[in-house]
Amino acid sequence: MMVKGVPLRNPKKIYNVARSLRRLVDRYTTDLRPSVFAKDGFHPGPRFVNAYLLIIDYPYPEDWVQAAREAARILEARHGVLLDWAAGYRKSGRIWLIIKALARDRETLKAKRFRPDVEDFEVLRLKLRKPKQGRERER
């Protein structure tokens, strides 16, 4: 399974990426509008990374919503933050998870910058694998 991260700086680009996905979900709803997601939480100007696009190779279209929510939960637990995120599924078999870089600390709710690292990608690769479904052997 492949997990790749792309930093996004321009808020318009973030809106266009969100708009390009047919169905957008987040932790609360399964029918999120791109205009609601891309409303606020961005720094003006091209110097700052405003969001990260995580592309997760997940060829099981029947349960991609649960996998996207699980990926966000894993990242929140690893960094101790509350993330603002949205996800969509591509025909190519990939989940596109858009995570805003401006997050909230889980305990104090103060603003905190989020940045995924290589270890996060490794954990997502291991945790989001679908178990092999086969017959159990009887003894």
N, C-alpha and C. Protein backbone atom coordinates (compact mmCIF):
# COMPACT_ATOMS: atom_id res chain seq x y z
N MET A 1 0.84 -1.17 0.00
CA MET A 1 0.00 0.00 0.00
C MET A 1 0.89 1.24 0.00
N MET A 2 0.51 2.22 -0.78
CA MET A 2 1.29 3.44 -0.92
C MET A 2 0.59 4.59 -0.19
N VAL A 3 1.37 5.40 0.53
CA VAL A 3 0.87 6.63 1.14
C VAL A 3 1.85 7.73 0.75
N LYS A 4 1.30 8.82 0.20
CA LYS A 4 2.14 9.91 -0.28
C LYS A 4 1.56 11.22 0.23
N GLY A 5 2.42 12.17 0.58
CA GLY A 5 1.98 13.46 1.08
C GLY A 5 2.40 14.59 0.16
N VAL A 6 1.48 15.53 -0.07
CA VAL A 6 1.74 16.69 -0.94
C VAL A 6 1.34 17.94 -0.17
N PRO A 7 2.26 18.90 0.06
CA PRO A 7 1.87 20.14 0.72
C PRO A 7 1.13 21.06 -0.26
N LEU A 8 0.08 21.70 0.24
CA LEU A 8 -0.69 22.65 -0.57
C LEU A 8 -0.61 24.02 0.09
N ARG A 9 -0.23 25.03 -0.68
CA ARG A 9 -0.05 26.37 -0.13
C ARG A 9 -1.21 27.31 -0.46
N ASN A 10 -1.72 27.24 -1.65
CA ASN A 10 -2.72 28.17 -2.12
C ASN A 10 -4.13 27.73 -1.70
N PRO A 11 -4.89 28.58 -0.99
CA PRO A 11 -6.25 28.20 -0.60
C PRO A 11 -7.17 27.90 -1.79
N LYS A 12 -6.95 28.57 -2.93
CA LYS A 12 -7.75 28.27 -4.12
C LYS A 12 -7.49 26.86 -4.63
N LYS A 13 -6.23 26.46 -4.57
CA LYS A 13 -5.87 25.11 -4.98
C LYS A 13 -6.52 24.08 -4.06
N ILE A 14 -6.55 24.37 -2.77
CA ILE A 14 -7.19 23.46 -1.82
C ILE A 14 -8.67 23.32 -2.15
N TYR A 15 -9.33 24.44 -2.45
CA TYR A 15 -10.74 24.40 -2.82
C TYR A 15 -10.94 23.59 -4.10
N ASN A 16 -10.07 23.79 -5.08
CA ASN A 16 -10.20 23.06 -6.35
C ASN A 16 -9.98 21.56 -6.17
N VAL A 17 -9.04 21.19 -5.32
CA VAL A 17 -8.82 19.76 -5.04
C VAL A 17 -10.05 19.17 -4.37
N ALA A 18 -10.61 19.88 -3.39
CA ALA A 18 -11.81 19.40 -2.70
C ALA A 18 -12.99 19.31 -3.66
N ARG A 19 -13.09 20.27 -4.56
CA ARG A 19 -14.20 20.29 -5.52
C ARG A 19 -14.08 19.18 -6.56
N SER A 20 -12.86 18.73 -6.82
CA SER A 20 -12.65 17.70 -7.84
C SER A 20 -13.08 16.31 -7.37
N LEU A 21 -13.27 16.16 -6.07
CA LEU A 21 -13.70 14.87 -5.53
C LEU A 21 -15.22 14.79 -5.60
N ARG A 22 -15.72 13.65 -6.04
CA ARG A 22 -17.17 13.51 -6.22
C ARG A 22 -17.94 13.57 -4.91
N ARG A 23 -17.45 12.87 -3.92
CA ARG A 23 -18.12 12.80 -2.62
C ARG A 23 -17.10 13.14 -1.55
N LEU A 24 -17.41 14.10 -0.74
CA LEU A 24 -16.49 14.57 0.28
C LEU A 24 -17.06 14.21 1.66
N VAL A 25 -16.24 13.61 2.52
CA VAL A 25 -16.67 13.23 3.86
C VAL A 25 -15.70 13.83 4.89
N ASP A 26 -16.19 13.94 6.12
CA ASP A 26 -15.32 14.29 7.24
C ASP A 26 -15.77 13.48 8.45
N ARG A 27 -15.35 13.88 9.64
CA ARG A 27 -15.68 13.07 10.82
C ARG A 27 -17.15 13.13 11.17
N TYR A 28 -17.85 14.19 10.76
CA TYR A 28 -19.24 14.37 11.17
C TYR A 28 -20.26 13.98 10.09
N THR A 29 -19.93 14.15 8.85
CA THR A 29 -20.91 13.97 7.79
C THR A 29 -20.32 13.20 6.62
N THR A 30 -21.21 12.63 5.81
CA THR A 30 -20.76 11.92 4.62
C THR A 30 -21.11 12.69 3.35
N ASP A 31 -21.60 13.91 3.50
CA ASP A 31 -21.96 14.73 2.33
C ASP A 31 -21.53 16.17 2.60
N LEU A 32 -20.23 16.41 2.55
CA LEU A 32 -19.66 17.72 2.86
C LEU A 32 -19.47 18.51 1.57
N ARG A 33 -19.84 19.77 1.60
CA ARG A 33 -19.62 20.63 0.43
C ARG A 33 -18.21 21.21 0.48
N PRO A 34 -17.54 21.29 -0.67
CA PRO A 34 -16.17 21.85 -0.69
C PRO A 34 -16.12 23.29 -0.19
N SER A 35 -17.16 24.08 -0.45
CA SER A 35 -17.16 25.48 -0.01
C SER A 35 -17.19 25.58 1.51
N VAL A 36 -17.81 24.62 2.18
CA VAL A 36 -17.83 24.63 3.66
C VAL A 36 -16.46 24.25 4.20
N PHE A 37 -15.82 23.26 3.59
CA PHE A 37 -14.51 22.84 4.07
C PHE A 37 -13.45 23.92 3.84
N ALA A 38 -13.46 24.56 2.70
CA ALA A 38 -12.43 25.52 2.33
C ALA A 38 -12.78 26.94 2.74
N LYS A 39 -13.61 27.08 3.76
CA LYS A 39 -14.09 28.40 4.15
C LYS A 39 -13.05 29.20 4.93
N ASP A 40 -12.44 28.60 5.95
CA ASP A 40 -11.48 29.33 6.78
C ASP A 40 -10.40 28.39 7.28
N GLY A 41 -9.45 28.96 8.04
CA GLY A 41 -8.37 28.16 8.59
C GLY A 41 -7.11 28.17 7.75
N PHE A 42 -6.96 29.20 6.90
CA PHE A 42 -5.80 29.27 6.02
C PHE A 42 -5.04 30.57 6.26
N HIS A 43 -3.73 30.53 6.02
CA HIS A 43 -2.90 31.73 6.06
C HIS A 43 -2.91 32.38 4.69
N PRO A 44 -3.05 33.68 4.62
CA PRO A 44 -2.96 34.32 3.30
C PRO A 44 -1.52 34.34 2.82
N GLY A 45 -1.34 34.26 1.55
CA GLY A 45 -0.01 34.32 0.98
C GLY A 45 0.58 32.95 0.70
N PRO A 46 1.57 32.90 -0.18
CA PRO A 46 2.12 31.62 -0.62
C PRO A 46 3.24 31.07 0.26
N ARG A 47 3.63 31.77 1.34
CA ARG A 47 4.77 31.31 2.13
C ARG A 47 4.47 30.11 3.01
N PHE A 48 3.25 30.00 3.48
CA PHE A 48 2.90 28.96 4.44
C PHE A 48 2.21 27.78 3.77
N VAL A 49 2.46 26.61 4.29
CA VAL A 49 1.71 25.43 3.86
C VAL A 49 0.37 25.49 4.59
N ASN A 50 -0.71 25.49 3.84
CA ASN A 50 -2.04 25.61 4.43
C ASN A 50 -2.72 24.27 4.63
N ALA A 51 -2.33 23.26 3.87
CA ALA A 51 -2.96 21.94 4.01
C ALA A 51 -2.00 20.90 3.44
N TYR A 52 -2.27 19.66 3.80
CA TYR A 52 -1.53 18.54 3.26
C TYR A 52 -2.52 17.59 2.61
N LEU A 53 -2.17 17.14 1.42
CA LEU A 53 -2.97 16.16 0.70
C LEU A 53 -2.27 14.81 0.86
N LEU A 54 -2.91 13.89 1.57
CA LEU A 54 -2.37 12.55 1.70
C LEU A 54 -3.11 11.65 0.72
N ILE A 55 -2.35 10.99 -0.14
CA ILE A 55 -2.91 10.09 -1.13
C ILE A 55 -2.63 8.67 -0.65
N ILE A 56 -3.70 7.95 -0.35
CA ILE A 56 -3.60 6.61 0.23
C ILE A 56 -4.14 5.61 -0.77
N ASP A 57 -3.31 4.69 -1.18
CA ASP A 57 -3.74 3.64 -2.11
C ASP A 57 -4.60 2.65 -1.34
N TYR A 58 -5.90 2.63 -1.65
CA TYR A 58 -6.85 1.78 -0.92
C TYR A 58 -7.86 1.20 -1.90
N PRO A 59 -7.60 0.02 -2.45
CA PRO A 59 -8.44 -0.51 -3.54
C PRO A 59 -9.72 -1.21 -3.08
N TYR A 60 -10.30 -0.79 -1.97
CA TYR A 60 -11.54 -1.38 -1.49
C TYR A 60 -12.61 -0.30 -1.42
N PRO A 61 -13.33 -0.05 -2.51
CA PRO A 61 -14.26 1.09 -2.55
C PRO A 61 -15.45 0.96 -1.61
N GLU A 62 -15.74 -0.23 -1.14
CA GLU A 62 -16.93 -0.39 -0.31
C GLU A 62 -16.78 0.19 1.10
N ASP A 63 -15.57 0.33 1.61
CA ASP A 63 -15.41 0.86 2.97
C ASP A 63 -14.33 1.94 3.06
N TRP A 64 -14.23 2.79 2.06
CA TRP A 64 -13.22 3.83 2.06
C TRP A 64 -13.53 4.91 3.09
N VAL A 65 -14.80 5.15 3.42
CA VAL A 65 -15.14 6.18 4.39
C VAL A 65 -14.58 5.81 5.76
N GLN A 66 -14.75 4.57 6.17
CA GLN A 66 -14.21 4.13 7.46
C GLN A 66 -12.69 4.19 7.47
N ALA A 67 -12.06 3.85 6.35
CA ALA A 67 -10.60 3.90 6.28
C ALA A 67 -10.10 5.34 6.38
N ALA A 68 -10.79 6.29 5.75
CA ALA A 68 -10.38 7.70 5.83
C ALA A 68 -10.53 8.21 7.26
N ARG A 69 -11.64 7.85 7.91
CA ARG A 69 -11.84 8.28 9.30
C ARG A 69 -10.81 7.65 10.23
N GLU A 70 -10.46 6.41 9.97
CA GLU A 70 -9.44 5.74 10.78
C GLU A 70 -8.07 6.39 10.59
N ALA A 71 -7.74 6.77 9.36
CA ALA A 71 -6.47 7.44 9.09
C ALA A 71 -6.40 8.77 9.84
N ALA A 72 -7.48 9.53 9.83
CA ALA A 72 -7.50 10.80 10.55
C ALA A 72 -7.38 10.57 12.06
N ARG A 73 -8.05 9.54 12.58
CA ARG A 73 -7.94 9.23 14.02
C ARG A 73 -6.51 8.87 14.40
N ILE A 74 -5.85 8.09 13.55
CA ILE A 74 -4.46 7.70 13.82
C ILE A 74 -3.56 8.93 13.88
N LEU A 75 -3.71 9.84 12.92
CA LEU A 75 -2.88 11.04 12.90
C LEU A 75 -3.17 11.94 14.09
N GLU A 76 -4.44 12.06 14.46
CA GLU A 76 -4.78 12.87 15.63
C GLU A 76 -4.17 12.30 16.90
N ALA A 77 -4.22 11.00 17.06
CA ALA A 77 -3.67 10.36 18.25
C ALA A 77 -2.15 10.49 18.30
N ARG A 78 -1.49 10.35 17.16
CA ARG A 78 -0.03 10.41 17.13
C ARG A 78 0.50 11.81 17.45
N HIS A 79 -0.24 12.85 17.03
CA HIS A 79 0.24 14.22 17.22
C HIS A 79 -0.44 14.94 18.38
N GLY A 80 -1.49 14.36 18.96
CA GLY A 80 -2.18 14.99 20.08
C GLY A 80 -2.95 16.24 19.70
N VAL A 81 -3.53 16.24 18.51
CA VAL A 81 -4.26 17.41 18.01
C VAL A 81 -5.64 17.00 17.51
N LEU A 82 -6.49 18.01 17.31
CA LEU A 82 -7.76 17.83 16.64
C LEU A 82 -7.62 18.41 15.23
N LEU A 83 -7.79 17.59 14.23
CA LEU A 83 -7.56 18.00 12.85
C LEU A 83 -8.86 18.42 12.17
N ASP A 84 -8.73 19.34 11.23
CA ASP A 84 -9.82 19.69 10.33
C ASP A 84 -9.47 19.04 9.01
N TRP A 85 -10.26 18.06 8.59
CA TRP A 85 -9.91 17.28 7.41
C TRP A 85 -11.16 16.95 6.61
N ALA A 86 -10.93 16.57 5.36
CA ALA A 86 -11.97 16.07 4.48
C ALA A 86 -11.33 15.02 3.58
N ALA A 87 -12.12 14.07 3.11
CA ALA A 87 -11.58 13.00 2.28
C ALA A 87 -12.55 12.66 1.16
N GLY A 88 -11.99 12.16 0.08
CA GLY A 88 -12.77 11.69 -1.06
C GLY A 88 -12.09 10.48 -1.66
N TYR A 89 -12.82 9.78 -2.52
CA TYR A 89 -12.29 8.56 -3.13
C TYR A 89 -12.24 8.73 -4.64
N ARG A 90 -11.13 8.40 -5.24
CA ARG A 90 -10.94 8.49 -6.68
C ARG A 90 -11.26 7.17 -7.36
N LYS A 91 -11.57 7.23 -8.64
CA LYS A 91 -11.79 6.02 -9.42
C LYS A 91 -10.53 5.16 -9.52
N SER A 92 -9.39 5.79 -9.34
CA SER A 92 -8.12 5.07 -9.43
C SER A 92 -7.87 4.17 -8.22
N GLY A 93 -8.75 4.20 -7.22
CA GLY A 93 -8.58 3.36 -6.04
C GLY A 93 -7.75 4.02 -4.95
N ARG A 94 -7.80 5.34 -4.88
CA ARG A 94 -7.02 6.07 -3.88
C ARG A 94 -7.92 6.99 -3.07
N ILE A 95 -7.65 7.04 -1.78
CA ILE A 95 -8.31 7.99 -0.90
C ILE A 95 -7.48 9.26 -0.90
N TRP A 96 -8.13 10.40 -1.13
CA TRP A 96 -7.45 11.69 -1.03
C TRP A 96 -7.90 12.33 0.27
N LEU A 97 -6.99 12.45 1.22
CA LEU A 97 -7.27 13.01 2.53
C LEU A 97 -6.63 14.40 2.60
N ILE A 98 -7.48 15.44 2.68
CA ILE A 98 -7.01 16.82 2.76
C ILE A 98 -7.06 17.23 4.22
N ILE A 99 -5.90 17.57 4.77
CA ILE A 99 -5.80 17.94 6.19
C ILE A 99 -5.28 19.37 6.29
N LYS A 100 -6.04 20.24 6.96
CA LYS A 100 -5.58 21.61 7.16
C LYS A 100 -4.40 21.62 8.12
N ALA A 101 -3.42 22.47 7.83
CA ALA A 101 -2.21 22.53 8.66
C ALA A 101 -2.48 23.22 9.99
N LEU A 102 -3.50 24.03 10.07
CA LEU A 102 -3.85 24.69 11.31
C LEU A 102 -4.77 23.77 12.11
N ALA A 103 -4.25 23.21 13.20
CA ALA A 103 -4.99 22.26 14.03
C ALA A 103 -5.15 22.84 15.43
N ARG A 104 -5.82 22.10 16.28
CA ARG A 104 -6.02 22.49 17.68
C ARG A 104 -5.40 21.44 18.60
N ASP A 105 -4.72 21.90 19.64
CA ASP A 105 -4.18 20.98 20.63
C ASP A 105 -5.33 20.28 21.33
N ARG A 106 -5.20 18.98 21.54
CA ARG A 106 -6.30 18.19 22.10
C ARG A 106 -6.66 18.62 23.52
N GLU A 107 -5.68 19.00 24.33
CA GLU A 107 -5.94 19.33 25.73
C GLU A 107 -6.28 20.80 25.95
N THR A 108 -5.51 21.71 25.34
CA THR A 108 -5.70 23.13 25.60
C THR A 108 -6.54 23.83 24.54
N LEU A 109 -6.77 23.19 23.40
CA LEU A 109 -7.51 23.75 22.26
C LEU A 109 -6.85 25.00 21.66
N LYS A 110 -5.56 25.18 21.94
CA LYS A 110 -4.83 26.28 21.32
C LYS A 110 -4.41 25.88 19.91
N ALA A 111 -4.25 26.88 19.05
CA ALA A 111 -3.86 26.62 17.67
C ALA A 111 -2.46 26.02 17.63
N LYS A 112 -2.29 25.06 16.76
CA LYS A 112 -1.01 24.35 16.64
C LYS A 112 -0.84 23.94 15.18
N ARG A 113 0.38 24.01 14.69
CA ARG A 113 0.65 23.61 13.30
C ARG A 113 0.78 22.10 13.23
N PHE A 114 0.16 21.52 12.21
CA PHE A 114 0.25 20.08 11.98
C PHE A 114 1.12 19.84 10.75
N ARG A 115 2.01 18.87 10.88
CA ARG A 115 2.84 18.48 9.74
C ARG A 115 3.09 16.97 9.83
N PRO A 116 2.59 16.21 8.85
CA PRO A 116 2.84 14.77 8.88
C PRO A 116 4.29 14.47 8.56
N ASP A 117 4.79 13.38 9.13
CA ASP A 117 6.17 12.98 8.86
C ASP A 117 6.20 11.56 8.29
N VAL A 118 7.39 11.08 8.01
CA VAL A 118 7.58 9.78 7.36
C VAL A 118 7.05 8.65 8.24
N GLU A 119 7.21 8.77 9.55
CA GLU A 119 6.70 7.72 10.44
C GLU A 119 5.18 7.62 10.38
N ASP A 120 4.51 8.76 10.19
CA ASP A 120 3.05 8.73 10.02
C ASP A 120 2.65 7.91 8.80
N PHE A 121 3.39 8.09 7.73
CA PHE A 121 3.08 7.34 6.50
C PHE A 121 3.28 5.84 6.71
N GLU A 122 4.33 5.48 7.44
CA GLU A 122 4.57 4.05 7.73
C GLU A 122 3.46 3.46 8.59
N VAL A 123 3.03 4.21 9.61
CA VAL A 123 1.95 3.72 10.48
C VAL A 123 0.66 3.56 9.67
N LEU A 124 0.35 4.51 8.81
CA LEU A 124 -0.86 4.40 7.98
C LEU A 124 -0.78 3.20 7.04
N ARG A 125 0.39 2.95 6.49
CA ARG A 125 0.55 1.78 5.62
C ARG A 125 0.24 0.49 6.37
N LEU A 126 0.72 0.40 7.59
CA LEU A 126 0.52 -0.83 8.36
C LEU A 126 -0.90 -0.97 8.91
N LYS A 127 -1.48 0.11 9.37
CA LYS A 127 -2.79 0.04 10.04
C LYS A 127 -3.96 -0.06 9.06
N LEU A 128 -3.82 0.49 7.86
CA LEU A 128 -4.96 0.52 6.94
C LEU A 128 -5.01 -0.67 6.00
N ARG A 129 -4.12 -1.63 6.19
CA ARG A 129 -4.19 -2.84 5.36
C ARG A 129 -5.42 -3.62 5.71
N LYS A 130 -6.11 -4.07 4.69
CA LYS A 130 -7.28 -4.90 4.93
C LYS A 130 -6.79 -6.32 5.19
N PRO A 131 -7.29 -6.96 6.25
CA PRO A 131 -6.82 -8.32 6.54
C PRO A 131 -7.23 -9.28 5.44
N LYS A 132 -6.38 -10.25 5.22
CA LYS A 132 -6.70 -11.26 4.22
C LYS A 132 -7.87 -12.08 4.69
N GLN A 133 -8.84 -12.23 3.80
CA GLN A 133 -10.02 -12.99 4.16
C GLN A 133 -9.93 -14.36 3.49
N GLY A 134 -9.79 -15.34 4.28
CA GLY A 134 -9.69 -16.70 3.76
C GLY A 134 -10.41 -17.65 4.69
N ARG A 135 -10.39 -18.86 4.31
CA ARG A 135 -11.04 -19.85 5.17
C ARG A 135 -10.16 -20.12 6.37
N GLU A 136 -10.81 -20.33 7.49
CA GLU A 136 -10.05 -20.73 8.67
C GLU A 136 -9.87 -22.24 8.62
N ARG A 137 -8.69 -22.65 8.99
CA ARG A 137 -8.42 -24.09 8.98
C ARG A 137 -8.96 -24.74 10.24
N GLU A 138 -9.59 -25.85 10.06
CA GLU A 138 -10.09 -26.58 11.21
C GLU A 138 -9.08 -27.64 11.60
N ARG A 139 -8.96 -27.90 12.87
CA ARG A 139 -8.03 -28.91 13.34
C ARG A 139 -8.76 -30.11 13.80
